[in-house]
Amino acid sequence: MLDPIFAILIIALNIYSFIVLGRVIMTWIPNIDPSHPIAQFLHRATEPVLRPIREALPSQGGLDFSPMLVLIGIMVVTRVLASF
């Protein structure tokens, strides 16, 4: 049986992965208002995690791979936590 603390962490990581996915989808929508409360929330919730990764990655010609790396990291951490 999974430890309750690990279960809560896994749930939180899964929720955060949806937040990151929301941020990615938001970038695909043209003419989105950056002052919209949902857009502001997604930016504030993800930027502290994405910015350091984005700055550490070499330039990819305008493509941002930081969300993909965060999602892969979340999957790895989730599997490690689930194995305990």
C-alpha atoms as a PDB file:
ATOM      1  CA  MET A   1       0.000   0.000   0.000  1.00  0.00           C
ATOM      2  CA  LEU A   2       1.193   3.487  -0.849  1.00  0.00           C
ATOM      3  CA  ASP A   3       2.191   5.757   2.034  1.00  0.00           C
ATOM      4  CA  PRO A   4      -0.381   8.579   2.370  1.00  0.00           C
ATOM      5  CA  ILE A   5       2.315  11.257   2.101  1.00  0.00           C
ATOM      6  CA  PHE A   6       3.576   9.767  -1.173  1.00  0.00           C
ATOM      7  CA  ALA A   7      -0.009   9.523  -2.429  1.00  0.00           C
ATOM      8  CA  ILE A   8      -0.582  13.223  -1.691  1.00  0.00           C
ATOM      9  CA  LEU A   9       2.692  14.139  -3.427  1.00  0.00           C
ATOM     10  CA  ILE A  10       1.743  12.089  -6.483  1.00  0.00           C
ATOM     11  CA  ILE A  11      -1.660  13.794  -6.641  1.00  0.00           C
ATOM     12  CA  ALA A  12      -0.023  17.230  -6.313  1.00  0.00           C
ATOM     13  CA  LEU A  13       2.457  16.389  -9.074  1.00  0.00           C
ATOM     14  CA  ASN A  14      -0.354  15.197 -11.337  1.00  0.00           C
ATOM     15  CA  ILE A  15      -2.282  18.420 -10.735  1.00  0.00           C
ATOM     16  CA  TYR A  16       0.837  20.456 -11.473  1.00  0.00           C
ATOM     17  CA  SER A  17       1.370  18.543 -14.717  1.00  0.00           C
ATOM     18  CA  PHE A  18      -2.121  19.626 -15.815  1.00  0.00           C
ATOM     19  CA  ILE A  19      -1.228  23.211 -14.920  1.00  0.00           C
ATOM     20  CA  VAL A  20       1.903  22.969 -17.092  1.00  0.00           C
ATOM     21  CA  LEU A  21      -0.165  21.462 -19.914  1.00  0.00           C
ATOM     22  CA  GLY A  22      -2.630  24.335 -19.546  1.00  0.00           C
ATOM     23  CA  ARG A  23       0.226  26.795 -19.923  1.00  0.00           C
ATOM     24  CA  VAL A  24       1.404  25.009 -23.075  1.00  0.00           C
ATOM     25  CA  ILE A  25      -2.084  24.968 -24.586  1.00  0.00           C
ATOM     26  CA  MET A  26      -2.492  28.638 -23.717  1.00  0.00           C
ATOM     27  CA  THR A  27       0.527  29.465 -25.888  1.00  0.00           C
ATOM     28  CA  TRP A  28      -1.186  27.868 -28.874  1.00  0.00           C
ATOM     29  CA  ILE A  29      -4.214  30.168 -28.636  1.00  0.00           C
ATOM     30  CA  PRO A  30      -3.739  33.332 -30.654  1.00  0.00           C
ATOM     31  CA  ASN A  31      -4.853  36.681 -29.253  1.00  0.00           C
ATOM     32  CA  ILE A  32      -5.144  35.443 -25.669  1.00  0.00           C
ATOM     33  CA  ASP A  33      -5.348  38.264 -23.162  1.00  0.00           C
ATOM     34  CA  PRO A  34      -2.322  37.956 -20.815  1.00  0.00           C
ATOM     35  CA  SER A  35      -4.212  39.920 -18.161  1.00  0.00           C
ATOM     36  CA  HIS A  36      -6.943  37.262 -17.969  1.00  0.00           C
ATOM     37  CA  PRO A  37      -6.969  35.708 -14.458  1.00  0.00           C
ATOM     38  CA  ILE A  38      -6.483  32.166 -15.775  1.00  0.00           C
ATOM     39  CA  ALA A  39      -3.546  33.223 -17.959  1.00  0.00           C
ATOM     40  CA  GLN A  40      -1.995  35.060 -15.017  1.00  0.00           C
ATOM     41  CA  PHE A  41      -2.461  32.051 -12.728  1.00  0.00           C
ATOM     42  CA  LEU A  42      -0.884  29.654 -15.229  1.00  0.00           C
ATOM     43  CA  HIS A  43       2.054  31.995 -15.730  1.00  0.00           C
ATOM     44  CA  ARG A  44       2.635  32.583 -11.996  1.00  0.00           C
ATOM     45  CA  ALA A  45       2.287  28.885 -11.170  1.00  0.00           C
ATOM     46  CA  THR A  46       4.676  27.621 -13.821  1.00  0.00           C
ATOM     47  CA  GLU A  47       7.234  30.352 -14.463  1.00  0.00           C
ATOM     48  CA  PRO A  48       9.313  29.722 -11.280  1.00  0.00           C
ATOM     49  CA  VAL A  49       9.876  26.142 -12.462  1.00  0.00           C
ATOM     50  CA  LEU A  50      10.142  26.755 -16.199  1.00  0.00           C
ATOM     51  CA  ARG A  51      12.421  29.813 -16.159  1.00  0.00           C
ATOM     52  CA  PRO A  52      15.550  28.135 -14.687  1.00  0.00           C
ATOM     53  CA  ILE A  53      15.199  25.216 -17.079  1.00  0.00           C
ATOM     54  CA  ARG A  54      14.650  27.563 -20.030  1.00  0.00           C
ATOM     55  CA  GLU A  55      17.754  29.553 -19.087  1.00  0.00           C
ATOM     56  CA  ALA A  56      19.870  26.400 -18.721  1.00  0.00           C
ATOM     57  CA  LEU A  57      18.890  25.004 -22.125  1.00  0.00           C
ATOM     58  CA  PRO A  58      20.736  26.148 -25.221  1.00  0.00           C
ATOM     59  CA  SER A  59      18.758  28.199 -27.727  1.00  0.00           C
ATOM     60  CA  GLN A  60      16.533  26.017 -29.891  1.00  0.00           C
ATOM     61  CA  GLY A  61      15.495  28.528 -32.517  1.00  0.00           C
ATOM     62  CA  GLY A  62      12.507  29.909 -30.649  1.00  0.00           C
ATOM     63  CA  LEU A  63      11.210  26.560 -29.411  1.00  0.00           C
ATOM     64  CA  ASP A  64      10.755  26.139 -25.673  1.00  0.00           C
ATOM     65  CA  PHE A  65      11.386  22.598 -24.471  1.00  0.00           C
ATOM     66  CA  SER A  66      11.257  23.446 -20.771  1.00  0.00           C
ATOM     67  CA  PRO A  67       7.610  22.320 -20.302  1.00  0.00           C
ATOM     68  CA  MET A  68       8.445  18.956 -21.865  1.00  0.00           C
ATOM     69  CA  LEU A  69      11.404  18.502 -19.512  1.00  0.00           C
ATOM     70  CA  VAL A  70       9.259  19.456 -16.504  1.00  0.00           C
ATOM     71  CA  LEU A  71       6.581  16.954 -17.513  1.00  0.00           C
ATOM     72  CA  ILE A  72       9.184  14.210 -17.991  1.00  0.00           C
ATOM     73  CA  GLY A  73      10.647  15.076 -14.594  1.00  0.00           C
ATOM     74  CA  ILE A  74       7.200  14.875 -13.005  1.00  0.00           C
ATOM     75  CA  MET A  75       6.647  11.444 -14.574  1.00  0.00           C
ATOM     76  CA  VAL A  76       9.993  10.186 -13.265  1.00  0.00           C
ATOM     77  CA  VAL A  77       9.415  11.511  -9.744  1.00  0.00           C
ATOM     78  CA  THR A  78       5.880  10.097  -9.727  1.00  0.00           C
ATOM     79  CA  ARG A  79       7.128   6.633 -10.683  1.00  0.00           C
ATOM     80  CA  VAL A  80       9.865   6.763  -8.056  1.00  0.00           C
ATOM     81  CA  LEU A  81       7.358   7.783  -5.378  1.00  0.00           C
ATOM     82  CA  ALA A  82       4.914   5.091  -6.478  1.00  0.00           C
ATOM     83  CA  SER A  83       7.606   2.433  -6.118  1.00  0.00           C
ATOM     84  CA  PHE A  84       7.955   3.067  -2.381  1.00  0.00           C
END
